[in-house]
N, C-alpha and C. Protein backbone atom coordinates (compact mmCIF):
# COMPACT_ATOMS: atom_id res chain seq x y z
N UNK A 1 21.26 1.58 -40.11
CA UNK A 1 21.71 2.51 -39.11
C UNK A 1 21.89 1.79 -37.79
N UNK A 2 22.59 2.45 -36.87
CA UNK A 2 22.83 1.86 -35.56
C UNK A 2 21.51 1.75 -34.81
N UNK A 3 21.29 0.58 -34.24
CA UNK A 3 20.08 0.36 -33.46
C UNK A 3 20.39 -0.51 -32.25
N UNK A 4 19.89 -0.10 -31.12
CA UNK A 4 19.99 -0.86 -29.89
C UNK A 4 18.57 -1.01 -29.34
N UNK A 5 18.17 -2.25 -29.13
CA UNK A 5 16.80 -2.52 -28.68
C UNK A 5 16.84 -3.27 -27.36
N UNK A 6 16.35 -2.61 -26.32
CA UNK A 6 16.32 -3.24 -25.00
C UNK A 6 15.02 -4.01 -24.80
N UNK A 7 15.08 -5.03 -23.98
CA UNK A 7 13.89 -5.78 -23.61
C UNK A 7 14.12 -6.41 -22.24
N UNK A 8 13.04 -6.92 -21.67
CA UNK A 8 13.16 -7.63 -20.40
C UNK A 8 12.75 -6.85 -19.18
N UNK A 9 12.44 -5.59 -19.34
CA UNK A 9 12.00 -4.81 -18.21
C UNK A 9 10.60 -5.21 -17.77
N UNK A 10 10.16 -4.61 -16.69
CA UNK A 10 8.83 -4.91 -16.19
C UNK A 10 8.78 -4.75 -14.69
N UNK A 11 7.84 -5.43 -14.10
CA UNK A 11 7.65 -5.36 -12.65
C UNK A 11 8.39 -6.50 -11.98
N UNK A 12 9.24 -6.15 -11.03
CA UNK A 12 9.97 -7.14 -10.26
C UNK A 12 9.64 -7.01 -8.79
N UNK A 13 9.74 -8.10 -8.10
CA UNK A 13 9.48 -8.13 -6.65
C UNK A 13 10.77 -7.79 -5.90
N UNK A 14 10.67 -7.11 -4.78
CA UNK A 14 11.86 -6.92 -3.95
C UNK A 14 12.47 -8.28 -3.60
N UNK A 15 13.76 -8.38 -3.80
CA UNK A 15 14.45 -9.64 -3.58
C UNK A 15 14.42 -10.56 -4.78
N UNK A 16 13.68 -10.19 -5.80
CA UNK A 16 13.55 -11.01 -7.00
C UNK A 16 14.60 -10.69 -8.05
N UNK A 17 14.37 -11.21 -9.24
CA UNK A 17 15.33 -11.07 -10.33
C UNK A 17 14.64 -10.66 -11.63
N UNK A 18 15.38 -9.95 -12.44
CA UNK A 18 14.99 -9.64 -13.81
C UNK A 18 16.24 -9.69 -14.66
N UNK A 19 16.05 -10.02 -15.93
CA UNK A 19 17.17 -10.00 -16.86
C UNK A 19 16.82 -9.09 -18.03
N UNK A 20 17.65 -8.10 -18.26
CA UNK A 20 17.49 -7.20 -19.39
C UNK A 20 18.38 -7.67 -20.54
N UNK A 21 17.90 -7.47 -21.75
CA UNK A 21 18.67 -7.78 -22.95
C UNK A 21 18.73 -6.55 -23.83
N UNK A 22 19.79 -6.45 -24.59
CA UNK A 22 19.94 -5.36 -25.55
C UNK A 22 20.56 -5.95 -26.81
N UNK A 23 19.83 -5.92 -27.89
CA UNK A 23 20.30 -6.48 -29.15
C UNK A 23 20.67 -5.35 -30.10
N UNK A 24 21.85 -5.49 -30.70
CA UNK A 24 22.40 -4.43 -31.54
C UNK A 24 22.34 -4.77 -33.02
N UNK A 25 22.31 -3.75 -33.82
CA UNK A 25 22.41 -3.91 -35.27
C UNK A 25 22.96 -2.63 -35.86
N UNK A 26 23.50 -2.76 -37.07
CA UNK A 26 23.98 -1.57 -37.78
C UNK A 26 25.41 -1.18 -37.50
N UNK A 27 26.13 -1.95 -36.68
CA UNK A 27 27.53 -1.68 -36.44
C UNK A 27 28.21 -2.98 -36.02
N UNK A 28 29.54 -2.95 -35.97
CA UNK A 28 30.30 -4.15 -35.62
C UNK A 28 30.33 -4.29 -34.11
N UNK A 29 29.39 -5.04 -33.60
CA UNK A 29 29.13 -5.13 -32.16
C UNK A 29 30.39 -5.49 -31.38
N UNK A 30 31.16 -6.44 -31.85
CA UNK A 30 32.31 -6.95 -31.11
C UNK A 30 33.41 -5.91 -30.94
N UNK A 31 33.34 -4.80 -31.62
CA UNK A 31 34.35 -3.76 -31.51
C UNK A 31 34.00 -2.69 -30.47
N UNK A 32 32.83 -2.80 -29.88
CA UNK A 32 32.36 -1.74 -28.99
C UNK A 32 32.17 -2.23 -27.56
N UNK A 33 32.51 -1.35 -26.64
CA UNK A 33 32.22 -1.58 -25.23
C UNK A 33 30.74 -1.28 -25.01
N UNK A 34 30.13 -2.05 -24.12
CA UNK A 34 28.70 -1.88 -23.88
C UNK A 34 28.45 -1.50 -22.43
N UNK A 35 27.45 -0.66 -22.24
CA UNK A 35 27.14 -0.16 -20.91
C UNK A 35 25.63 -0.17 -20.68
N UNK A 36 25.27 -0.32 -19.44
CA UNK A 36 23.89 -0.15 -19.00
C UNK A 36 23.86 1.07 -18.08
N UNK A 37 22.99 1.99 -18.41
CA UNK A 37 22.72 3.15 -17.58
C UNK A 37 21.29 3.04 -17.05
N UNK A 38 21.01 3.82 -16.04
CA UNK A 38 19.63 3.94 -15.59
C UNK A 38 19.38 5.38 -15.12
N UNK A 39 18.11 5.75 -15.22
CA UNK A 39 17.69 7.05 -14.73
C UNK A 39 16.38 6.89 -14.00
N UNK A 40 16.43 7.23 -12.73
CA UNK A 40 15.22 7.19 -11.91
C UNK A 40 14.60 8.59 -11.89
N UNK A 41 13.31 8.69 -11.69
CA UNK A 41 12.65 9.99 -11.65
C UNK A 41 13.30 10.91 -10.63
N UNK A 42 13.66 12.11 -11.07
CA UNK A 42 14.23 13.08 -10.16
C UNK A 42 15.69 12.86 -9.82
N UNK A 43 16.31 11.88 -10.47
CA UNK A 43 17.71 11.58 -10.18
C UNK A 43 18.55 11.69 -11.45
N UNK A 44 19.85 11.83 -11.27
CA UNK A 44 20.74 11.89 -12.41
C UNK A 44 20.95 10.50 -13.00
N UNK A 45 21.35 10.49 -14.26
CA UNK A 45 21.66 9.23 -14.91
C UNK A 45 22.84 8.55 -14.21
N UNK A 46 22.73 7.26 -14.05
CA UNK A 46 23.76 6.48 -13.36
C UNK A 46 24.29 5.38 -14.28
N UNK A 47 25.60 5.27 -14.36
CA UNK A 47 26.21 4.17 -15.09
C UNK A 47 26.20 2.95 -14.19
N UNK A 48 25.41 1.97 -14.54
CA UNK A 48 25.19 0.81 -13.69
C UNK A 48 26.28 -0.23 -13.89
N UNK A 49 26.57 -0.55 -15.16
CA UNK A 49 27.54 -1.61 -15.45
C UNK A 49 28.10 -1.41 -16.84
N UNK A 50 29.31 -1.86 -17.03
CA UNK A 50 29.95 -1.80 -18.35
C UNK A 50 30.74 -3.07 -18.59
N UNK A 51 30.90 -3.41 -19.85
CA UNK A 51 31.65 -4.60 -20.24
C UNK A 51 32.48 -4.30 -21.46
N UNK A 52 33.72 -4.77 -21.46
CA UNK A 52 34.60 -4.53 -22.58
C UNK A 52 34.17 -5.30 -23.81
N UNK A 53 34.74 -4.93 -24.94
CA UNK A 53 34.29 -5.52 -26.19
C UNK A 53 34.54 -7.02 -26.29
N UNK A 54 35.55 -7.52 -25.56
CA UNK A 54 35.81 -8.95 -25.57
C UNK A 54 35.02 -9.70 -24.51
N UNK A 55 34.31 -8.96 -23.68
CA UNK A 55 33.51 -9.61 -22.65
C UNK A 55 34.28 -10.00 -21.41
N UNK A 56 35.50 -9.51 -21.27
CA UNK A 56 36.33 -9.89 -20.12
C UNK A 56 36.27 -8.83 -19.03
N UNK A 57 36.54 -7.60 -19.38
CA UNK A 57 36.55 -6.51 -18.40
C UNK A 57 35.13 -6.08 -18.07
N UNK A 58 34.85 -5.95 -16.79
CA UNK A 58 33.56 -5.45 -16.34
C UNK A 58 33.76 -4.47 -15.19
N UNK A 59 32.80 -3.63 -15.02
CA UNK A 59 32.86 -2.67 -13.91
C UNK A 59 31.44 -2.32 -13.53
N UNK A 60 31.21 -2.18 -12.20
CA UNK A 60 29.85 -1.95 -11.70
C UNK A 60 29.81 -0.74 -10.78
N UNK A 61 28.65 -0.12 -10.75
CA UNK A 61 28.42 0.92 -9.75
C UNK A 61 28.35 0.26 -8.38
N UNK A 62 28.76 0.97 -7.36
CA UNK A 62 28.72 0.42 -6.00
C UNK A 62 27.31 0.02 -5.60
N UNK A 63 26.35 0.72 -6.12
CA UNK A 63 24.95 0.49 -5.74
C UNK A 63 24.42 -0.87 -6.21
N UNK A 64 25.10 -1.47 -7.20
CA UNK A 64 24.61 -2.75 -7.74
C UNK A 64 25.64 -3.86 -7.63
N UNK A 65 26.83 -3.54 -7.16
CA UNK A 65 27.90 -4.53 -7.10
C UNK A 65 27.47 -5.72 -6.23
N UNK A 66 27.69 -6.91 -6.77
CA UNK A 66 27.31 -8.13 -6.07
C UNK A 66 25.89 -8.57 -6.34
N UNK A 67 25.10 -7.70 -6.98
CA UNK A 67 23.70 -8.05 -7.27
C UNK A 67 23.45 -8.14 -8.77
N UNK A 68 24.11 -7.29 -9.55
CA UNK A 68 23.91 -7.25 -11.00
C UNK A 68 25.12 -7.85 -11.70
N UNK A 69 24.86 -8.50 -12.84
CA UNK A 69 25.94 -9.06 -13.65
C UNK A 69 25.70 -8.70 -15.11
N UNK A 70 26.73 -8.13 -15.73
CA UNK A 70 26.65 -7.80 -17.14
C UNK A 70 27.44 -8.83 -17.93
N UNK A 71 26.84 -9.30 -19.01
CA UNK A 71 27.50 -10.26 -19.89
C UNK A 71 27.15 -9.90 -21.33
N UNK A 72 27.86 -10.51 -22.25
CA UNK A 72 27.57 -10.29 -23.66
C UNK A 72 27.88 -11.54 -24.46
N UNK A 73 27.15 -11.69 -25.56
CA UNK A 73 27.44 -12.75 -26.52
C UNK A 73 27.62 -12.06 -27.86
N UNK A 74 28.85 -11.94 -28.29
CA UNK A 74 29.14 -11.18 -29.51
C UNK A 74 28.51 -11.83 -30.74
N UNK A 75 28.44 -13.15 -30.75
CA UNK A 75 27.86 -13.84 -31.91
C UNK A 75 26.37 -13.52 -32.04
N UNK A 76 25.74 -13.16 -30.95
CA UNK A 76 24.32 -12.79 -30.98
C UNK A 76 24.13 -11.28 -30.96
N UNK A 77 25.23 -10.52 -30.88
CA UNK A 77 25.17 -9.06 -30.84
C UNK A 77 24.24 -8.60 -29.71
N UNK A 78 24.39 -9.24 -28.58
CA UNK A 78 23.49 -8.97 -27.46
C UNK A 78 24.27 -8.82 -26.16
N UNK A 79 23.86 -7.86 -25.36
CA UNK A 79 24.40 -7.67 -24.03
C UNK A 79 23.26 -7.85 -23.04
N UNK A 80 23.59 -8.41 -21.88
CA UNK A 80 22.58 -8.73 -20.88
C UNK A 80 22.91 -8.03 -19.56
N UNK A 81 21.88 -7.83 -18.78
CA UNK A 81 22.07 -7.36 -17.41
C UNK A 81 21.19 -8.24 -16.52
N UNK A 82 21.84 -9.13 -15.79
CA UNK A 82 21.13 -9.98 -14.84
C UNK A 82 21.03 -9.21 -13.53
N UNK A 83 19.83 -8.98 -13.07
CA UNK A 83 19.60 -8.20 -11.85
C UNK A 83 18.99 -9.09 -10.79
N UNK A 84 19.73 -9.33 -9.74
CA UNK A 84 19.26 -10.16 -8.62
C UNK A 84 19.08 -9.30 -7.38
N UNK A 85 18.41 -9.87 -6.40
CA UNK A 85 18.19 -9.18 -5.12
C UNK A 85 17.68 -7.77 -5.35
N UNK A 86 16.67 -7.65 -6.17
CA UNK A 86 16.15 -6.34 -6.54
C UNK A 86 15.68 -5.56 -5.33
N UNK A 87 15.88 -4.24 -5.42
CA UNK A 87 15.44 -3.32 -4.38
C UNK A 87 14.53 -2.27 -5.00
N UNK A 88 13.64 -1.69 -4.23
CA UNK A 88 12.80 -0.62 -4.78
C UNK A 88 13.61 0.51 -5.41
N UNK A 89 14.79 0.78 -4.88
CA UNK A 89 15.62 1.85 -5.44
C UNK A 89 16.24 1.49 -6.78
N UNK A 90 16.05 0.25 -7.25
CA UNK A 90 16.48 -0.11 -8.59
C UNK A 90 15.45 0.33 -9.64
N UNK A 91 14.32 0.81 -9.20
CA UNK A 91 13.29 1.28 -10.12
C UNK A 91 13.82 2.44 -10.95
N UNK A 92 13.79 2.28 -12.27
CA UNK A 92 14.34 3.29 -13.18
C UNK A 92 14.10 2.85 -14.62
N UNK A 93 14.36 3.78 -15.53
CA UNK A 93 14.44 3.42 -16.94
C UNK A 93 15.88 3.00 -17.20
N UNK A 94 16.05 1.84 -17.80
CA UNK A 94 17.38 1.31 -18.08
C UNK A 94 17.69 1.44 -19.56
N UNK A 95 18.89 1.95 -19.84
CA UNK A 95 19.30 2.21 -21.21
C UNK A 95 20.58 1.45 -21.54
N UNK A 96 20.60 0.92 -22.73
CA UNK A 96 21.77 0.26 -23.28
C UNK A 96 22.56 1.29 -24.09
N UNK A 97 23.89 1.19 -24.00
CA UNK A 97 24.74 2.17 -24.68
C UNK A 97 25.95 1.47 -25.27
N UNK A 98 26.30 1.83 -26.49
CA UNK A 98 27.49 1.30 -27.16
C UNK A 98 28.48 2.43 -27.37
N UNK A 99 29.74 2.19 -27.03
CA UNK A 99 30.73 3.24 -27.18
C UNK A 99 32.11 2.69 -27.44
N UNK A 100 32.98 3.54 -27.91
CA UNK A 100 34.34 3.14 -28.21
C UNK A 100 35.27 3.25 -26.99
N UNK A 101 34.80 3.87 -25.92
CA UNK A 101 35.60 4.04 -24.72
C UNK A 101 34.99 3.25 -23.57
N UNK A 102 35.83 2.58 -22.80
CA UNK A 102 35.36 1.77 -21.69
C UNK A 102 35.10 2.60 -20.45
N UNK A 103 35.98 3.57 -20.18
CA UNK A 103 35.90 4.29 -18.91
C UNK A 103 35.09 5.58 -18.98
N UNK A 104 34.67 5.97 -20.15
CA UNK A 104 33.89 7.19 -20.24
C UNK A 104 32.96 7.15 -21.43
N UNK A 105 32.05 8.07 -21.46
CA UNK A 105 31.12 8.19 -22.58
C UNK A 105 31.42 9.47 -23.33
N UNK A 106 31.02 9.49 -24.60
CA UNK A 106 31.16 10.73 -25.35
C UNK A 106 30.00 10.87 -26.33
N UNK A 107 30.05 11.91 -27.11
CA UNK A 107 28.93 12.23 -27.98
C UNK A 107 28.74 11.21 -29.11
N UNK A 108 29.73 10.36 -29.31
CA UNK A 108 29.61 9.36 -30.38
C UNK A 108 28.93 8.08 -29.93
N UNK A 109 28.63 7.99 -28.65
CA UNK A 109 27.97 6.79 -28.15
C UNK A 109 26.57 6.65 -28.75
N UNK A 110 26.14 5.40 -28.87
CA UNK A 110 24.79 5.12 -29.38
C UNK A 110 23.93 4.58 -28.24
N UNK A 111 22.66 4.94 -28.27
CA UNK A 111 21.75 4.63 -27.16
C UNK A 111 20.50 3.91 -27.65
N UNK A 112 20.00 3.03 -26.77
CA UNK A 112 18.69 2.45 -27.01
C UNK A 112 17.59 3.35 -26.48
N UNK A 113 16.37 2.91 -26.66
CA UNK A 113 15.22 3.71 -26.22
C UNK A 113 14.89 3.50 -24.75
N UNK A 114 15.42 2.45 -24.17
CA UNK A 114 15.21 2.21 -22.76
C UNK A 114 14.12 1.19 -22.48
N UNK A 115 14.23 0.57 -21.31
CA UNK A 115 13.20 -0.35 -20.84
C UNK A 115 12.96 -0.06 -19.36
N UNK A 116 11.71 0.01 -18.98
CA UNK A 116 11.36 0.39 -17.62
C UNK A 116 11.44 -0.81 -16.68
N UNK A 117 12.09 -0.59 -15.55
CA UNK A 117 12.12 -1.58 -14.47
C UNK A 117 11.47 -0.96 -13.25
N UNK A 118 10.49 -1.65 -12.72
CA UNK A 118 9.81 -1.20 -11.51
C UNK A 118 9.88 -2.31 -10.48
N UNK A 119 10.42 -1.98 -9.32
CA UNK A 119 10.53 -2.96 -8.24
C UNK A 119 9.56 -2.57 -7.14
N UNK A 120 8.58 -3.42 -6.96
CA UNK A 120 7.55 -3.12 -5.97
C UNK A 120 6.83 -4.39 -5.58
N UNK A 121 6.36 -4.43 -4.35
CA UNK A 121 5.56 -5.57 -3.90
C UNK A 121 4.08 -5.28 -4.08
């Protein structure tokens, strides 16, 4: 079955860096666009970054542009989110998502269980 497993979350320092990973199984990874979402307590879910199935097209939320980088290695069935210059407002549960559409999500998307990122000194 489709499985997405996130890792790499934890406690980060303001101004520091963390790298999240999401490893996929159960589907043809290279055919799907990948996205990172986050949800902070009391806030709506936010689409942080997305990457096309070939790894060329990317798009970022304004809140993370210039600080976060999404990449993927199709041979490893893994997508990454490099997070630099961390801010306390980056604190959230981060979710990996696989979908057939780049610009939107739908009910057919697959989700991981999430990994918690906490930015605090």
